[in-house]
């Protein structure tokens, strides 16, 4: 697995498309209302939105992430880093922020490579 993360609009998707020569059909686009397991694609885009869907559906995020790892061991995972900035007063969004951070930590540990993008510049962390 490869984890690519960074702030919103930093060039993560373009970087992954170019580096791995992926088309739209190769990428699973997560939605914040769809708690189904992302699978069957080479890359998963905006994993943070899937985590939000899981939180909204009151599912065990870390259990879902563990299952995701088993089903997608070779995936390129793209996730927005939502850990910076203002902490929401809304309990759902606070939980989303916390669970996304935990999920990224777990995925980073099991990933062969971790890349952070800032201003469209990739930095390999692992």
Protein backbone atom coordinates (compact mmCIF):
# COMPACT_ATOMS: atom_id res chain seq x y z
CA UNK A 1 0.00 0.00 0.00
CA UNK A 2 1.05 3.58 -0.65
CA UNK A 3 -0.39 6.48 1.35
CA UNK A 4 -0.42 9.95 -0.22
CA UNK A 5 -1.70 12.76 1.99
CA UNK A 6 -1.68 16.53 2.26
CA UNK A 7 -3.98 19.49 2.56
CA UNK A 8 -6.90 20.13 0.25
CA UNK A 9 -6.05 21.19 -3.31
CA UNK A 10 -2.33 20.44 -2.98
CA UNK A 11 -2.10 18.25 -6.10
CA UNK A 12 -2.45 14.78 -4.58
CA UNK A 13 -4.75 13.37 -7.26
CA UNK A 14 -2.70 14.78 -10.15
CA UNK A 15 0.47 13.40 -8.57
CA UNK A 16 -1.01 9.90 -8.23
CA UNK A 17 -2.50 9.93 -11.73
CA UNK A 18 0.83 10.91 -13.27
CA UNK A 19 3.14 8.77 -11.15
CA UNK A 20 1.09 5.59 -11.49
CA UNK A 21 -0.37 6.32 -14.95
CA UNK A 22 -3.97 5.98 -13.74
CA UNK A 23 -7.18 6.95 -15.49
CA UNK A 24 -10.51 7.92 -13.91
CA UNK A 25 -11.64 4.28 -14.17
CA UNK A 26 -8.69 3.18 -11.99
CA UNK A 27 -9.71 5.42 -9.09
CA UNK A 28 -12.39 4.88 -6.44
CA UNK A 29 -13.85 8.27 -5.48
CA UNK A 30 -15.13 8.20 -1.89
CA UNK A 31 -18.23 10.10 -0.86
CA UNK A 32 -19.14 11.38 2.58
CA UNK A 33 -22.55 9.67 2.43
CA UNK A 34 -21.31 6.28 1.15
CA UNK A 35 -20.02 3.98 3.90
CA UNK A 36 -19.45 1.00 1.57
CA UNK A 37 -15.93 -0.43 1.53
CA UNK A 38 -13.78 1.13 -1.23
CA UNK A 39 -12.31 -1.71 -3.27
CA UNK A 40 -11.65 -3.01 -6.75
CA UNK A 41 -9.62 -0.02 -7.95
CA UNK A 42 -5.90 0.80 -8.07
CA UNK A 43 -6.35 3.98 -6.06
CA UNK A 44 -8.77 5.34 -3.46
CA UNK A 45 -9.34 9.10 -3.48
CA UNK A 46 -10.38 11.16 -0.44
CA UNK A 47 -10.35 8.41 2.14
CA UNK A 48 -11.25 11.11 4.66
CA UNK A 49 -14.73 11.33 3.08
CA UNK A 50 -15.19 7.59 3.56
CA UNK A 51 -14.20 7.98 7.21
CA UNK A 52 -16.84 10.72 7.56
CA UNK A 53 -19.44 8.38 6.06
CA UNK A 54 -18.41 5.71 8.56
CA UNK A 55 -18.70 8.14 11.46
CA UNK A 56 -22.13 9.29 10.27
CA UNK A 57 -23.22 5.63 9.97
CA UNK A 58 -21.88 4.98 13.51
CA UNK A 59 -19.52 2.25 12.27
CA UNK A 60 -16.28 1.19 13.95
CA UNK A 61 -13.78 3.10 11.83
CA UNK A 62 -10.65 1.22 12.90
CA UNK A 63 -12.33 -2.13 12.24
CA UNK A 64 -13.33 -0.90 8.77
CA UNK A 65 -9.77 0.35 8.14
CA UNK A 66 -8.37 -3.07 9.14
CA UNK A 67 -10.75 -4.74 6.66
CA UNK A 68 -9.82 -2.18 4.02
CA UNK A 69 -6.12 -3.03 4.47
CA UNK A 70 -6.82 -6.74 3.95
CA UNK A 71 -8.93 -6.17 0.83
CA UNK A 72 -6.69 -3.49 -0.74
CA UNK A 73 -3.06 -4.34 0.07
CA UNK A 74 -1.72 -2.82 -3.17
CA UNK A 75 -3.88 0.30 -3.31
CA UNK A 76 -2.65 3.86 -3.53
CA UNK A 77 -4.63 5.71 -0.84
CA UNK A 78 -5.13 9.46 -1.13
CA UNK A 79 -6.28 11.29 1.98
CA UNK A 80 -6.75 14.93 2.91
CA UNK A 81 -4.89 15.90 6.06
CA UNK A 82 -7.66 17.45 8.15
CA UNK A 83 -5.63 17.59 11.36
CA UNK A 84 -4.65 21.25 11.03
CA UNK A 85 -6.91 24.22 11.49
CA UNK A 86 -9.90 24.95 13.67
CA UNK A 87 -11.41 22.12 15.69
CA UNK A 88 -15.15 21.95 15.06
CA UNK A 89 -17.63 22.36 17.89
CA UNK A 90 -19.84 19.76 16.16
CA UNK A 91 -19.32 16.36 17.83
CA UNK A 92 -19.57 14.46 14.52
CA UNK A 93 -16.90 16.58 12.84
CA UNK A 94 -14.63 16.37 15.90
CA UNK A 95 -14.95 12.58 15.85
CA UNK A 96 -14.34 12.58 12.08
CA UNK A 97 -11.11 14.55 12.56
CA UNK A 98 -9.92 12.18 15.30
CA UNK A 99 -10.84 9.01 13.41
CA UNK A 100 -9.23 10.28 10.20
CA UNK A 101 -6.01 10.91 12.11
CA UNK A 102 -6.08 7.42 13.62
CA UNK A 103 -6.86 5.86 10.23
CA UNK A 104 -3.97 7.70 8.57
CA UNK A 105 -1.63 6.57 11.34
CA UNK A 106 -2.63 2.95 10.91
CA UNK A 107 -2.39 3.11 7.12
CA UNK A 108 1.00 4.81 7.34
CA UNK A 109 2.31 2.01 9.55
CA UNK A 110 1.25 -0.72 7.13
CA UNK A 111 2.17 1.19 3.96
CA UNK A 112 5.34 0.49 2.03
CA UNK A 113 5.55 4.16 1.15
CA UNK A 114 4.11 7.38 2.60
CA UNK A 115 4.21 10.63 0.61
CA UNK A 116 3.12 14.09 1.78
CA UNK A 117 2.24 16.71 -0.80
CA UNK A 118 2.53 20.40 -0.03
CA UNK A 119 2.17 22.99 -2.80
CA UNK A 120 2.25 20.10 -5.30
CA UNK A 121 5.71 19.08 -4.08
CA UNK A 122 5.93 15.45 -2.92
CA UNK A 123 8.05 14.57 0.09
CA UNK A 124 8.62 10.90 0.79
CA UNK A 125 8.30 10.22 4.52
CA UNK A 126 8.61 6.47 4.37
